[in-house]
């Protein structure tokens, strides 16, 4: 009991020793780290332009142009960003990685339409097909629509530190203890 009283008293002294502004820090709203696309709404259907292009598949009749993305309110200490796009539905629920990108400079607030088709200024990691570029949706008619989760991670890692050509799993392992914040954007696709 004596220990609890001493600990409580110490906490009270520490609390009153804080500057006045610090005691009200919780009252100040922190802007939310968000990810969006000028091409579509979060949770909406991905326009055909951004769908994969494969002449041997009826499900892949798009142009495979990488979706443009914008973000705001990243954590102040951000040095770089990483992005993945994952579809959890194919391969019996094991999913498919459509895109891996990292070493995006911490000063960036967007990737233009098509930027992930030929990564410049950042590293394209290996997607599920082994490519270092965007692989747009190509959902089968049987289990359509698919949700494509695009995740943006703000990191404390300087660009150029991570090895090139990492898979999503390797990137996740490399970011352990270095993620400052994450935000997601959901795009859905089904073949009409």
N, C-alpha and C. Protein backbone atom coordinates (compact mmCIF):
# COMPACT_ATOMS: atom_id res chain seq x y z
N UNK A 1 0.82 -1.19 0.00
CA UNK A 1 0.00 0.00 0.00
C UNK A 1 0.87 1.25 0.00
N UNK A 2 1.95 1.22 0.81
CA UNK A 2 2.84 2.36 0.89
C UNK A 2 3.47 2.65 -0.47
N UNK A 3 3.81 1.59 -1.24
CA UNK A 3 4.41 1.75 -2.57
C UNK A 3 3.43 2.42 -3.52
N UNK A 4 2.16 2.04 -3.45
CA UNK A 4 1.14 2.62 -4.33
C UNK A 4 0.99 4.11 -4.04
N UNK A 5 0.97 4.50 -2.75
CA UNK A 5 0.83 5.91 -2.37
C UNK A 5 2.04 6.71 -2.88
N UNK A 6 3.23 6.16 -2.70
CA UNK A 6 4.44 6.86 -3.15
C UNK A 6 4.42 7.00 -4.68
N UNK A 7 4.04 5.93 -5.40
CA UNK A 7 3.99 5.98 -6.86
C UNK A 7 2.95 6.99 -7.33
N UNK A 8 1.81 7.04 -6.68
CA UNK A 8 0.75 7.99 -7.04
C UNK A 8 1.21 9.42 -6.79
N UNK A 9 1.88 9.64 -5.67
CA UNK A 9 2.39 10.98 -5.36
C UNK A 9 3.45 11.39 -6.37
N UNK A 10 4.31 10.48 -6.76
CA UNK A 10 5.36 10.79 -7.74
C UNK A 10 4.73 11.13 -9.09
N UNK A 11 3.69 10.41 -9.47
CA UNK A 11 2.99 10.69 -10.72
C UNK A 11 2.34 12.07 -10.68
N UNK A 12 1.74 12.41 -9.55
CA UNK A 12 1.09 13.72 -9.41
C UNK A 12 2.12 14.85 -9.52
N UNK A 13 3.28 14.67 -8.91
CA UNK A 13 4.34 15.68 -8.98
C UNK A 13 4.84 15.81 -10.42
N UNK A 14 5.04 14.68 -11.09
CA UNK A 14 5.51 14.71 -12.48
C UNK A 14 4.49 15.39 -13.38
N UNK A 15 3.21 15.11 -13.16
CA UNK A 15 2.14 15.72 -13.97
C UNK A 15 2.12 17.24 -13.81
N UNK A 16 2.24 17.71 -12.60
CA UNK A 16 2.19 19.16 -12.37
C UNK A 16 3.46 19.85 -12.83
N UNK A 17 4.54 19.09 -13.00
CA UNK A 17 5.79 19.69 -13.46
C UNK A 17 5.81 19.90 -14.97
N UNK A 18 4.84 19.31 -15.68
CA UNK A 18 4.78 19.49 -17.13
C UNK A 18 4.40 20.91 -17.48
N UNK A 19 4.92 21.42 -18.59
CA UNK A 19 4.48 22.74 -19.05
C UNK A 19 2.99 22.73 -19.33
N UNK A 20 2.34 23.85 -19.20
CA UNK A 20 0.88 23.92 -19.37
C UNK A 20 0.45 23.41 -20.73
N UNK A 21 1.14 23.77 -21.81
CA UNK A 21 0.75 23.31 -23.14
C UNK A 21 0.80 21.80 -23.26
N UNK A 22 1.78 21.16 -22.62
CA UNK A 22 1.92 19.72 -22.71
C UNK A 22 0.76 19.01 -22.03
N UNK A 23 0.19 19.58 -21.00
CA UNK A 23 -0.92 18.92 -20.32
C UNK A 23 -2.18 18.95 -21.16
N UNK A 24 -2.22 19.83 -22.17
CA UNK A 24 -3.40 19.91 -23.04
C UNK A 24 -3.12 19.39 -24.44
N UNK A 25 -2.01 18.70 -24.62
CA UNK A 25 -1.65 18.20 -25.95
C UNK A 25 -2.70 17.26 -26.50
N UNK A 26 -3.33 16.48 -25.62
CA UNK A 26 -4.35 15.55 -26.07
C UNK A 26 -5.59 16.27 -26.59
N UNK A 27 -5.77 17.54 -26.18
CA UNK A 27 -6.92 18.31 -26.64
C UNK A 27 -6.75 18.79 -28.07
N UNK A 28 -5.51 18.85 -28.55
CA UNK A 28 -5.26 19.34 -29.90
C UNK A 28 -5.39 18.17 -30.89
N UNK A 29 -6.28 18.28 -31.86
CA UNK A 29 -6.42 17.17 -32.82
C UNK A 29 -5.17 17.02 -33.68
N UNK A 30 -4.77 15.79 -33.88
CA UNK A 30 -3.64 15.48 -34.74
C UNK A 30 -4.22 15.17 -36.12
N UNK A 31 -3.76 15.87 -37.17
CA UNK A 31 -4.29 15.58 -38.50
C UNK A 31 -4.06 14.12 -38.88
N UNK A 32 -5.05 13.50 -39.46
CA UNK A 32 -4.98 12.09 -39.81
C UNK A 32 -4.16 11.89 -41.09
N UNK A 33 -3.26 10.93 -41.04
CA UNK A 33 -2.44 10.53 -42.18
C UNK A 33 -3.38 9.80 -43.14
N UNK A 34 -3.54 10.33 -44.35
CA UNK A 34 -4.52 9.77 -45.29
C UNK A 34 -3.90 9.53 -46.66
N UNK A 35 -4.49 8.57 -47.36
CA UNK A 35 -4.11 8.18 -48.71
C UNK A 35 -5.35 8.24 -49.59
N UNK A 36 -5.22 8.81 -50.78
CA UNK A 36 -6.36 8.90 -51.69
C UNK A 36 -5.87 8.82 -53.13
N UNK A 37 -6.83 8.82 -54.06
CA UNK A 37 -6.49 8.82 -55.48
C UNK A 37 -7.42 9.80 -56.20
N UNK A 38 -6.86 10.65 -57.07
CA UNK A 38 -7.72 11.54 -57.83
C UNK A 38 -8.53 10.79 -58.90
N UNK A 39 -8.22 9.51 -59.12
CA UNK A 39 -8.90 8.73 -60.15
C UNK A 39 -10.14 7.99 -59.66
N UNK A 40 -10.28 7.86 -58.34
CA UNK A 40 -11.41 7.10 -57.79
C UNK A 40 -11.54 7.36 -56.30
N UNK A 41 -12.68 6.96 -55.75
CA UNK A 41 -12.93 7.09 -54.31
C UNK A 41 -12.46 5.85 -53.57
N UNK A 42 -12.08 6.04 -52.31
CA UNK A 42 -11.72 4.93 -51.44
C UNK A 42 -12.91 3.98 -51.35
N UNK A 43 -12.68 2.71 -51.59
CA UNK A 43 -13.75 1.71 -51.55
C UNK A 43 -14.49 1.57 -52.86
N UNK A 44 -14.18 2.41 -53.83
CA UNK A 44 -14.87 2.37 -55.11
C UNK A 44 -14.24 1.38 -56.07
N UNK A 45 -14.83 1.33 -57.26
CA UNK A 45 -14.34 0.43 -58.29
C UNK A 45 -13.25 1.10 -59.12
N UNK A 46 -12.20 0.33 -59.38
CA UNK A 46 -11.06 0.84 -60.14
C UNK A 46 -11.45 0.96 -61.61
N UNK A 47 -11.22 2.13 -62.21
CA UNK A 47 -11.50 2.28 -63.63
C UNK A 47 -10.67 1.31 -64.48
N UNK A 48 -11.24 0.88 -65.58
CA UNK A 48 -10.62 -0.11 -66.47
C UNK A 48 -9.21 0.27 -66.91
N UNK A 49 -8.94 1.54 -67.02
CA UNK A 49 -7.62 2.03 -67.45
C UNK A 49 -6.49 1.47 -66.57
N UNK A 50 -6.77 1.26 -65.29
CA UNK A 50 -5.74 0.84 -64.33
C UNK A 50 -5.66 -0.67 -64.17
N UNK A 51 -6.54 -1.39 -64.88
CA UNK A 51 -6.60 -2.85 -64.82
C UNK A 51 -5.50 -3.44 -65.69
N UNK A 52 -5.02 -4.61 -65.31
CA UNK A 52 -3.95 -5.27 -66.04
C UNK A 52 -4.32 -5.53 -67.50
N UNK A 53 -3.32 -5.61 -68.32
CA UNK A 53 -3.49 -5.85 -69.75
C UNK A 53 -2.84 -7.17 -70.11
N UNK A 54 -3.66 -8.15 -70.49
CA UNK A 54 -3.14 -9.45 -70.89
C UNK A 54 -4.06 -9.99 -71.98
N UNK A 55 -3.61 -10.01 -73.22
CA UNK A 55 -4.47 -10.43 -74.32
C UNK A 55 -4.95 -11.88 -74.24
N UNK A 56 -4.29 -12.70 -73.42
CA UNK A 56 -4.70 -14.10 -73.30
C UNK A 56 -5.76 -14.31 -72.23
N UNK A 57 -6.15 -13.24 -71.52
CA UNK A 57 -7.15 -13.36 -70.46
C UNK A 57 -8.28 -12.35 -70.67
N UNK A 58 -9.51 -12.84 -70.64
CA UNK A 58 -10.68 -11.96 -70.77
C UNK A 58 -10.81 -11.03 -69.57
N UNK A 59 -10.22 -11.40 -68.47
CA UNK A 59 -10.33 -10.62 -67.23
C UNK A 59 -9.35 -9.46 -67.16
N UNK A 60 -8.38 -9.45 -68.05
CA UNK A 60 -7.31 -8.44 -68.00
C UNK A 60 -7.36 -7.58 -69.26
N UNK A 61 -8.39 -6.78 -69.38
CA UNK A 61 -8.59 -6.02 -70.61
C UNK A 61 -8.35 -4.53 -70.44
N UNK A 62 -7.57 -4.17 -69.43
CA UNK A 62 -7.28 -2.76 -69.19
C UNK A 62 -6.02 -2.30 -69.90
N UNK A 63 -5.48 -1.18 -69.43
CA UNK A 63 -4.25 -0.63 -70.01
C UNK A 63 -3.05 -0.79 -69.06
N UNK A 64 -3.30 -1.28 -67.86
CA UNK A 64 -2.27 -1.49 -66.84
C UNK A 64 -1.50 -0.21 -66.51
N UNK A 65 -2.20 0.91 -66.46
CA UNK A 65 -1.60 2.18 -66.06
C UNK A 65 -1.68 2.25 -64.53
N UNK A 66 -0.58 2.57 -63.89
CA UNK A 66 -0.56 2.64 -62.43
C UNK A 66 -1.46 3.76 -61.92
N UNK A 67 -2.21 3.45 -60.89
CA UNK A 67 -3.15 4.38 -60.27
C UNK A 67 -2.40 5.57 -59.66
N UNK A 68 -2.86 6.80 -59.87
CA UNK A 68 -2.23 7.94 -59.20
C UNK A 68 -2.65 7.96 -57.73
N UNK A 69 -1.74 8.34 -56.86
CA UNK A 69 -2.02 8.39 -55.42
C UNK A 69 -1.53 9.70 -54.84
N UNK A 70 -2.24 10.17 -53.83
CA UNK A 70 -1.82 11.36 -53.08
C UNK A 70 -1.99 11.06 -51.60
N UNK A 71 -1.16 11.69 -50.78
CA UNK A 71 -1.28 11.52 -49.33
C UNK A 71 -0.96 12.82 -48.64
N UNK A 72 -1.44 12.91 -47.40
CA UNK A 72 -1.18 14.11 -46.60
C UNK A 72 -1.09 13.75 -45.13
N UNK A 73 -0.51 14.68 -44.38
CA UNK A 73 -0.37 14.57 -42.93
C UNK A 73 0.50 13.40 -42.48
N UNK A 74 1.57 13.13 -43.21
CA UNK A 74 2.51 12.08 -42.80
C UNK A 74 3.18 12.52 -41.50
N UNK A 75 3.61 11.56 -40.69
CA UNK A 75 4.32 11.91 -39.45
C UNK A 75 5.52 12.82 -39.76
N UNK A 76 5.78 13.76 -38.88
CA UNK A 76 6.82 14.78 -39.10
C UNK A 76 8.22 14.20 -39.31
N UNK A 77 8.54 13.09 -38.70
CA UNK A 77 9.89 12.52 -38.80
C UNK A 77 10.06 11.57 -40.00
N UNK A 78 9.10 11.55 -40.90
CA UNK A 78 9.16 10.63 -42.04
C UNK A 78 10.37 10.92 -42.93
N UNK A 79 11.14 9.87 -43.21
CA UNK A 79 12.30 9.98 -44.12
C UNK A 79 12.02 9.32 -45.46
N UNK A 80 11.14 8.32 -45.46
CA UNK A 80 10.77 7.65 -46.72
C UNK A 80 9.42 6.97 -46.56
N UNK A 81 8.86 6.58 -47.70
CA UNK A 81 7.58 5.87 -47.72
C UNK A 81 7.76 4.54 -48.44
N UNK A 82 6.88 3.60 -48.11
CA UNK A 82 6.79 2.32 -48.81
C UNK A 82 5.31 2.09 -49.13
N UNK A 83 5.06 1.44 -50.26
CA UNK A 83 3.68 1.17 -50.67
C UNK A 83 3.57 -0.27 -51.14
N UNK A 84 2.46 -0.91 -50.79
CA UNK A 84 2.14 -2.23 -51.33
C UNK A 84 0.68 -2.24 -51.78
N UNK A 85 0.38 -3.09 -52.75
CA UNK A 85 -1.01 -3.34 -53.13
C UNK A 85 -1.20 -4.85 -53.10
N UNK A 86 -2.17 -5.28 -52.30
CA UNK A 86 -2.38 -6.70 -52.05
C UNK A 86 -3.85 -7.05 -52.25
N UNK A 87 -4.09 -8.14 -52.95
CA UNK A 87 -5.44 -8.68 -53.15
C UNK A 87 -5.52 -9.98 -52.33
N UNK A 88 -6.35 -10.03 -51.29
CA UNK A 88 -6.39 -11.21 -50.42
C UNK A 88 -7.20 -12.39 -50.97
N UNK A 89 -7.87 -12.24 -52.10
CA UNK A 89 -8.80 -13.26 -52.58
C UNK A 89 -8.17 -14.40 -53.37
N UNK A 90 -7.28 -14.15 -54.34
CA UNK A 90 -6.82 -15.26 -55.19
C UNK A 90 -5.99 -16.31 -54.46
N UNK A 91 -5.72 -17.36 -55.18
CA UNK A 91 -4.92 -18.50 -54.70
C UNK A 91 -5.52 -19.09 -53.42
N UNK A 92 -6.83 -19.29 -53.45
CA UNK A 92 -7.51 -19.92 -52.32
C UNK A 92 -7.42 -19.11 -51.04
N UNK A 93 -7.40 -17.79 -51.15
CA UNK A 93 -7.33 -16.93 -49.98
C UNK A 93 -5.92 -16.60 -49.54
N UNK A 94 -4.91 -17.09 -50.26
CA UNK A 94 -3.52 -16.78 -49.92
C UNK A 94 -3.12 -15.42 -50.46
N UNK A 95 -3.87 -14.92 -51.44
CA UNK A 95 -3.66 -13.58 -51.95
C UNK A 95 -2.58 -13.45 -53.01
N UNK A 96 -2.49 -12.23 -53.53
CA UNK A 96 -1.51 -11.93 -54.57
C UNK A 96 -1.03 -10.49 -54.36
N UNK A 97 0.28 -10.30 -54.42
CA UNK A 97 0.89 -8.98 -54.27
C UNK A 97 1.00 -8.36 -55.67
N UNK A 98 0.30 -7.25 -55.87
CA UNK A 98 0.29 -6.58 -57.17
C UNK A 98 1.37 -5.50 -57.29
N UNK A 99 1.82 -4.98 -56.16
CA UNK A 99 2.76 -3.86 -56.25
C UNK A 99 3.53 -3.73 -54.96
N UNK A 100 4.83 -3.48 -55.09
CA UNK A 100 5.71 -3.19 -53.96
C UNK A 100 6.61 -2.03 -54.39
N UNK A 101 6.63 -0.97 -53.62
CA UNK A 101 7.49 0.18 -53.91
C UNK A 101 8.00 0.75 -52.59
N UNK A 102 9.24 1.23 -52.59
CA UNK A 102 9.80 1.81 -51.37
C UNK A 102 10.92 2.78 -51.72
N UNK A 103 11.52 3.37 -50.71
CA UNK A 103 12.52 4.43 -50.89
C UNK A 103 11.92 5.66 -51.57
N UNK A 104 10.61 5.83 -51.39
CA UNK A 104 9.95 7.04 -51.89
C UNK A 104 10.35 8.15 -50.91
N UNK A 105 10.91 9.26 -51.39
CA UNK A 105 11.40 10.30 -50.48
C UNK A 105 10.32 10.80 -49.51
N UNK A 106 10.74 11.08 -48.30
CA UNK A 106 9.83 11.54 -47.25
C UNK A 106 9.17 12.88 -47.55
N UNK A 107 9.69 13.61 -48.52
CA UNK A 107 9.10 14.90 -48.91
C UNK A 107 7.99 14.73 -49.94
N UNK A 108 7.86 13.53 -50.50
CA UNK A 108 6.83 13.28 -51.53
C UNK A 108 5.44 13.29 -50.91
N UNK A 109 4.48 13.74 -51.70
CA UNK A 109 3.07 13.72 -51.27
C UNK A 109 2.18 13.07 -52.32
N UNK A 110 2.80 12.51 -53.37
CA UNK A 110 2.00 11.90 -54.42
C UNK A 110 2.87 11.07 -55.35
N UNK A 111 2.21 10.16 -56.06
CA UNK A 111 2.80 9.47 -57.20
C UNK A 111 1.84 9.71 -58.36
N UNK A 112 2.36 10.22 -59.45
CA UNK A 112 1.53 10.53 -60.61
C UNK A 112 1.02 9.26 -61.29
N UNK A 113 -0.03 9.44 -62.05
CA UNK A 113 -0.56 8.33 -62.84
C UNK A 113 0.57 7.75 -63.70
N UNK A 114 0.71 6.44 -63.64
CA UNK A 114 1.73 5.74 -64.41
C UNK A 114 3.10 5.69 -63.78
N UNK A 115 3.33 6.39 -62.67
CA UNK A 115 4.67 6.43 -62.05
C UNK A 115 5.17 5.05 -61.66
N UNK A 116 4.30 4.18 -61.24
CA UNK A 116 4.73 2.85 -60.79
C UNK A 116 4.96 1.89 -61.96
N UNK A 117 4.62 2.29 -63.17
CA UNK A 117 4.89 1.44 -64.33
C UNK A 117 6.37 1.40 -64.67
N UNK A 118 7.07 2.48 -64.38
CA UNK A 118 8.50 2.58 -64.64
C UNK A 118 9.11 3.40 -63.50
N UNK A 119 9.32 2.73 -62.34
CA UNK A 119 9.77 3.47 -61.16
C UNK A 119 11.02 4.32 -61.37
N UNK A 120 10.88 5.60 -61.09
CA UNK A 120 12.00 6.55 -61.16
C UNK A 120 11.95 7.38 -59.88
N UNK A 121 13.05 7.45 -59.17
CA UNK A 121 13.08 8.21 -57.93
C UNK A 121 12.67 7.39 -56.72
N UNK A 122 12.36 6.13 -56.94
CA UNK A 122 12.06 5.19 -55.86
C UNK A 122 12.33 3.78 -56.38
N UNK A 123 12.27 2.80 -55.49
CA UNK A 123 12.57 1.41 -55.85
C UNK A 123 11.28 0.62 -56.03
N UNK A 124 11.20 -0.10 -57.14
CA UNK A 124 10.09 -1.03 -57.34
C UNK A 124 10.51 -2.39 -56.86
N UNK A 125 9.84 -2.87 -55.80
CA UNK A 125 10.14 -4.20 -55.28
C UNK A 125 9.46 -5.26 -56.14
N UNK A 126 9.61 -6.52 -55.79
CA UNK A 126 9.04 -7.61 -56.57
C UNK A 126 7.58 -7.86 -56.20
N UNK A 127 6.70 -7.80 -57.21
CA UNK A 127 5.32 -8.17 -56.99
C UNK A 127 5.19 -9.69 -57.12
N UNK A 128 3.97 -10.21 -57.07
CA UNK A 128 3.76 -11.66 -57.11
C UNK A 128 4.19 -12.31 -58.41
N UNK A 129 4.32 -11.53 -59.47
CA UNK A 129 4.77 -12.05 -60.76
C UNK A 129 6.28 -11.88 -60.93
N UNK A 130 6.95 -11.31 -59.92
CA UNK A 130 8.39 -11.12 -59.98
C UNK A 130 8.82 -9.83 -60.65
N UNK A 131 7.87 -8.97 -60.99
CA UNK A 131 8.18 -7.70 -61.64
C UNK A 131 8.38 -6.60 -60.61
N UNK A 132 9.16 -5.59 -60.98
CA UNK A 132 9.40 -4.45 -60.11
C UNK A 132 8.47 -3.29 -60.41
N UNK A 133 7.38 -3.55 -61.11
CA UNK A 133 6.46 -2.49 -61.50
C UNK A 133 5.03 -2.84 -61.11
N UNK A 134 4.14 -1.90 -61.36
CA UNK A 134 2.70 -2.06 -61.12
C UNK A 134 2.15 -3.23 -61.92
N UNK A 135 1.34 -4.06 -61.28
CA UNK A 135 0.59 -5.12 -61.94
C UNK A 135 -0.87 -4.89 -61.55
N UNK A 136 -1.62 -4.29 -62.45
CA UNK A 136 -3.01 -3.96 -62.16
C UNK A 136 -3.87 -5.18 -61.90
N UNK A 137 -5.09 -4.95 -61.41
CA UNK A 137 -6.01 -6.05 -61.12
C UNK A 137 -6.31 -6.91 -62.35
N UNK A 138 -6.59 -8.16 -62.08
CA UNK A 138 -6.96 -9.11 -63.13
C UNK A 138 -7.78 -10.20 -62.45
N UNK A 139 -8.95 -9.80 -61.90
CA UNK A 139 -9.77 -10.72 -61.12
C UNK A 139 -10.54 -11.70 -62.00
N UNK A 140 -10.66 -12.93 -61.55
CA UNK A 140 -11.45 -13.92 -62.29
C UNK A 140 -12.93 -13.58 -62.15
N UNK A 141 -13.70 -13.98 -63.14
CA UNK A 141 -15.13 -13.70 -63.12
C UNK A 141 -15.83 -14.45 -61.99
N UNK A 142 -15.30 -15.62 -61.63
CA UNK A 142 -15.95 -16.47 -60.63
C UNK A 142 -15.99 -15.86 -59.24
N UNK A 143 -14.95 -15.16 -58.85
CA UNK A 143 -14.90 -14.64 -57.48
C UNK A 143 -14.78 -13.12 -57.44
N UNK A 144 -15.36 -12.48 -58.43
CA UNK A 144 -15.33 -11.03 -58.53
C UNK A 144 -16.44 -10.44 -57.66
N UNK A 145 -16.32 -9.27 -57.07
CA UNK A 145 -15.20 -8.34 -57.12
C UNK A 145 -14.12 -8.67 -56.09
N UNK A 146 -12.94 -8.19 -56.36
CA UNK A 146 -11.82 -8.35 -55.43
C UNK A 146 -11.52 -7.00 -54.78
N UNK A 147 -11.10 -7.03 -53.49
CA UNK A 147 -10.63 -5.80 -52.85
C UNK A 147 -9.11 -5.72 -52.96
N UNK A 148 -8.62 -4.59 -53.39
CA UNK A 148 -7.17 -4.37 -53.52
C UNK A 148 -6.79 -3.35 -52.46
N UNK A 149 -6.03 -3.79 -51.47
CA UNK A 149 -5.63 -2.91 -50.38
C UNK A 149 -4.28 -2.29 -50.69
N UNK A 150 -4.29 -0.96 -50.83
CA UNK A 150 -3.06 -0.22 -51.05
C UNK A 150 -2.66 0.37 -49.70
N UNK A 151 -1.50 0.00 -49.23
CA UNK A 151 -1.02 0.45 -47.92
C UNK A 151 0.21 1.33 -48.10
N UNK A 152 0.15 2.50 -47.50
CA UNK A 152 1.28 3.44 -47.51
C UNK A 152 1.86 3.47 -46.10
N UNK A 153 3.17 3.26 -45.99
CA UNK A 153 3.86 3.25 -44.70
C UNK A 153 4.87 4.39 -44.67
N UNK A 154 4.77 5.24 -43.67
CA UNK A 154 5.78 6.28 -43.43
C UNK A 154 6.87 5.66 -42.57
N UNK A 155 8.13 5.82 -42.97
CA UNK A 155 9.22 5.19 -42.23
C UNK A 155 10.28 6.20 -41.78
N UNK A 156 11.13 5.76 -40.87
CA UNK A 156 12.26 6.58 -40.43
C UNK A 156 13.56 6.15 -41.12
N UNK A 157 13.42 5.46 -42.26
CA UNK A 157 14.57 4.93 -42.99
C UNK A 157 14.91 5.87 -44.15
N UNK A 158 16.17 6.25 -44.23
CA UNK A 158 16.64 7.10 -45.32
C UNK A 158 16.51 6.37 -46.66
N UNK A 159 16.06 7.04 -47.72
CA UNK A 159 16.02 6.39 -49.03
C UNK A 159 17.42 5.89 -49.41
N UNK A 160 17.47 4.73 -50.05
CA UNK A 160 18.74 4.14 -50.46
C UNK A 160 19.31 3.17 -49.46
N UNK A 161 18.68 3.05 -48.30
CA UNK A 161 19.18 2.15 -47.25
C UNK A 161 18.77 0.70 -47.49
N UNK A 162 17.54 0.50 -47.99
CA UNK A 162 17.02 -0.85 -48.18
C UNK A 162 17.57 -1.47 -49.46
N UNK A 163 17.73 -2.79 -49.45
CA UNK A 163 18.25 -3.47 -50.64
C UNK A 163 17.19 -3.44 -51.75
N UNK A 164 17.61 -3.41 -53.00
CA UNK A 164 16.66 -3.39 -54.11
C UNK A 164 16.00 -4.75 -54.32
N UNK A 165 14.84 -4.73 -54.97
CA UNK A 165 14.18 -5.96 -55.38
C UNK A 165 13.52 -6.78 -54.28
N UNK A 166 13.15 -6.16 -53.18
CA UNK A 166 12.53 -6.92 -52.08
C UNK A 166 11.09 -7.29 -52.41
N UNK A 167 10.66 -8.43 -51.90
CA UNK A 167 9.27 -8.84 -51.97
C UNK A 167 8.50 -8.13 -50.85
N UNK A 168 7.20 -8.26 -50.87
CA UNK A 168 6.38 -7.66 -49.80
C UNK A 168 6.80 -8.19 -48.43
N UNK A 169 6.98 -9.50 -48.33
CA UNK A 169 7.35 -10.09 -47.03
C UNK A 169 8.71 -9.59 -46.56
N UNK A 170 9.67 -9.47 -47.47
CA UNK A 170 10.98 -8.94 -47.10
C UNK A 170 10.89 -7.48 -46.68
N UNK A 171 10.05 -6.71 -47.37
CA UNK A 171 9.87 -5.31 -47.01
C UNK A 171 9.24 -5.18 -45.63
N UNK A 172 8.21 -5.97 -45.37
CA UNK A 172 7.56 -5.94 -44.05
C UNK A 172 8.58 -6.25 -42.95
N UNK A 173 9.42 -7.25 -43.17
CA UNK A 173 10.45 -7.60 -42.18
C UNK A 173 11.45 -6.45 -41.99
N UNK A 174 11.85 -5.80 -43.10
CA UNK A 174 12.81 -4.71 -43.02
C UNK A 174 12.24 -3.47 -42.33
N UNK A 175 10.93 -3.32 -42.38
CA UNK A 175 10.29 -2.14 -41.77
C UNK A 175 9.94 -2.33 -40.30
N UNK A 176 10.15 -3.52 -39.76
CA UNK A 176 9.85 -3.77 -38.35
C UNK A 176 10.63 -2.77 -37.48
N UNK A 177 9.91 -2.03 -36.66
CA UNK A 177 10.51 -1.05 -35.77
C UNK A 177 10.82 0.29 -36.45
N UNK A 178 10.47 0.41 -37.73
CA UNK A 178 10.77 1.65 -38.48
C UNK A 178 9.52 2.34 -39.02
N UNK A 179 8.36 1.75 -38.83
CA UNK A 179 7.12 2.35 -39.33
C UNK A 179 6.66 3.44 -38.37
N UNK A 180 6.46 4.63 -38.90
CA UNK A 180 6.00 5.77 -38.10
C UNK A 180 4.49 5.94 -38.19
N UNK A 181 3.90 5.41 -39.24
CA UNK A 181 2.46 5.51 -39.44
C UNK A 181 2.07 4.81 -40.72
N UNK A 182 0.82 4.36 -40.79
CA UNK A 182 0.31 3.72 -42.00
C UNK A 182 -1.07 4.25 -42.33
N UNK A 183 -1.40 4.16 -43.60
CA UNK A 183 -2.73 4.51 -44.06
C UNK A 183 -3.06 3.60 -45.23
N UNK A 184 -4.34 3.33 -45.44
CA UNK A 184 -4.73 2.42 -46.51
C UNK A 184 -5.81 3.03 -47.39
N UNK A 185 -5.89 2.47 -48.58
CA UNK A 185 -6.88 2.86 -49.57
C UNK A 185 -7.36 1.56 -50.21
N UNK A 186 -8.66 1.38 -50.31
CA UNK A 186 -9.22 0.17 -50.89
C UNK A 186 -9.78 0.47 -52.27
N UNK A 187 -9.34 -0.29 -53.25
CA UNK A 187 -9.87 -0.22 -54.60
C UNK A 187 -10.49 -1.58 -54.91
N UNK A 188 -11.65 -1.59 -55.49
CA UNK A 188 -12.28 -2.85 -55.86
C UNK A 188 -12.30 -2.96 -57.38
N UNK A 189 -12.32 -4.22 -57.83
CA UNK A 189 -12.44 -4.43 -59.28
C UNK A 189 -13.23 -5.70 -59.56
N UNK A 190 -14.08 -5.62 -60.55
CA UNK A 190 -14.74 -6.80 -61.08
C UNK A 190 -14.89 -6.63 -62.56
N UNK A 191 -14.84 -7.73 -63.27
CA UNK A 191 -15.01 -7.67 -64.71
C UNK A 191 -16.50 -7.51 -65.01
N UNK A 192 -16.89 -6.41 -65.68
CA UNK A 192 -18.32 -6.21 -65.96
C UNK A 192 -18.87 -7.26 -66.91
